[in-house]
Structures are given as structure tokens and as C-alpha cells.
């Protein structure tokens, strides 16, 4: 039996793994950027809510739970299967 050289096979496997790692890193980086954008938006909205205390009076805090629900939903959506980046 002739011996086959394992180097080309190992080289191909390493190249394939490098491509998969690069794709995974790009996806994680996109999700982190999206999460940071949401956090920045939430800070801006919180500033608006605090500024609206005069108009809303003692009920100024009412929009905060809704904001929290939307934020958690968006962050979970970026981490789970079926997110926009999967399509």
C-alpha cells in the first residue's frame, strides 16, 4: 500500500477552520455593535424621559419598564437562532 501524505489534508482542514472562525467572529462583532447601539439609544431615551418629568409629573417612570422589555427582547433576538442576521 502506498502511503498518502497527510499534509495537504491537514492544510485544507486548517484553511476551512480559519474561514469558519472568521465568519463566527464577524457575526459576533455585528451582534455586539447592535447591542451597543441599542444601549446608546436607551441612554438617549432615558434622557428624554428624565427631561419629560415636568410634563409627566409623578408618573415619569412609566415608560421605563416598556423600554426595558424592548431592550431585553432586542438583545435576546440578536443572540438566538432566527435573528435577522440568520436570514
Protein backbone atom coordinates (compact mmCIF):
# COMPACT_ATOMS: atom_id res chain seq x y z
CA UNK A 1 0.00 0.00 0.00
CA UNK A 2 1.19 3.44 -0.81
CA UNK A 3 1.40 5.94 1.99
CA UNK A 4 -0.59 9.09 1.46
CA UNK A 5 0.76 12.46 2.51
CA UNK A 6 -1.44 13.93 5.30
CA UNK A 7 -0.08 17.47 4.89
CA UNK A 8 -2.47 18.59 2.09
CA UNK A 9 -5.46 17.26 4.02
CA UNK A 10 -4.36 18.98 7.23
CA UNK A 11 -3.68 22.21 5.35
CA UNK A 12 -7.17 22.13 3.83
CA UNK A 13 -8.73 21.49 7.25
CA UNK A 14 -6.81 24.40 8.78
CA UNK A 15 -7.88 26.73 5.96
CA UNK A 16 -11.52 25.68 6.38
CA UNK A 17 -11.32 26.26 10.13
CA UNK A 18 -9.82 29.72 9.61
CA UNK A 19 -12.74 30.66 7.34
CA UNK A 20 -15.28 29.39 9.88
CA UNK A 21 -13.59 31.31 12.69
CA UNK A 22 -13.55 34.49 10.61
CA UNK A 23 -17.27 34.14 9.85
CA UNK A 24 -18.11 33.47 13.50
CA UNK A 25 -16.07 36.48 14.62
CA UNK A 26 -17.80 38.74 12.07
CA UNK A 27 -21.23 37.62 13.31
CA UNK A 28 -20.34 38.19 16.98
CA UNK A 29 -18.87 41.59 16.16
CA UNK A 30 -22.08 42.60 14.33
CA UNK A 31 -24.23 41.47 17.26
CA UNK A 32 -22.09 43.37 19.75
CA UNK A 33 -22.28 46.51 17.63
CA UNK A 34 -26.07 46.17 17.50
CA UNK A 35 -26.26 45.70 21.28
CA UNK A 36 -24.08 48.77 21.86
CA UNK A 37 -26.25 50.82 19.50
CA UNK A 38 -29.33 49.75 21.47
CA UNK A 39 -27.65 50.68 24.73
CA UNK A 40 -26.78 54.13 23.35
CA UNK A 41 -30.32 54.61 22.13
CA UNK A 42 -31.65 53.62 25.53
CA UNK A 43 -29.44 56.18 27.25
CA UNK A 44 -30.78 58.86 24.91
CA UNK A 45 -34.36 57.78 25.55
CA UNK A 46 -33.75 57.78 29.29
CA UNK A 47 -32.52 61.36 28.99
CA UNK A 48 -35.73 62.28 27.20
CA UNK A 49 -37.83 60.53 29.86
CA UNK A 50 -35.99 62.35 32.64
CA UNK A 51 -36.45 65.63 30.78
CA UNK A 52 -40.17 64.84 30.48
CA UNK A 53 -40.59 64.64 34.25
CA UNK A 54 -42.15 68.09 34.23
CA UNK A 55 -44.81 67.00 31.73
CA UNK A 56 -45.49 63.54 33.17
CA UNK A 57 -45.32 64.62 36.80
CA UNK A 58 -45.12 61.79 39.33
CA UNK A 59 -45.70 59.17 36.58
CA UNK A 60 -42.47 59.94 34.70
CA UNK A 61 -41.15 56.41 35.32
CA UNK A 62 -43.99 54.63 33.44
CA UNK A 63 -42.13 54.41 30.06
CA UNK A 64 -39.06 52.78 31.71
CA UNK A 65 -40.48 49.21 32.05
CA UNK A 66 -41.58 49.28 28.41
CA UNK A 67 -38.12 50.40 27.39
CA UNK A 68 -36.59 47.58 29.43
CA UNK A 69 -38.85 44.96 27.79
CA UNK A 70 -37.98 46.19 24.30
CA UNK A 71 -34.28 46.23 25.10
CA UNK A 72 -34.24 42.70 26.52
CA UNK A 73 -36.28 41.41 23.58
CA UNK A 74 -33.89 43.00 21.08
CA UNK A 75 -30.80 41.69 22.84
CA UNK A 76 -32.22 38.17 23.11
CA UNK A 77 -33.15 38.36 19.43
CA UNK A 78 -29.54 39.12 18.50
CA UNK A 79 -28.27 36.12 20.45
CA UNK A 80 -30.81 33.43 19.48
CA UNK A 81 -31.49 31.49 16.33
CA UNK A 82 -33.90 33.00 13.87
CA UNK A 83 -32.49 36.50 14.26
CA UNK A 84 -32.25 38.87 11.34
CA UNK A 85 -28.58 38.00 10.76
CA UNK A 86 -29.51 34.32 10.15
CA UNK A 87 -31.59 35.08 7.09
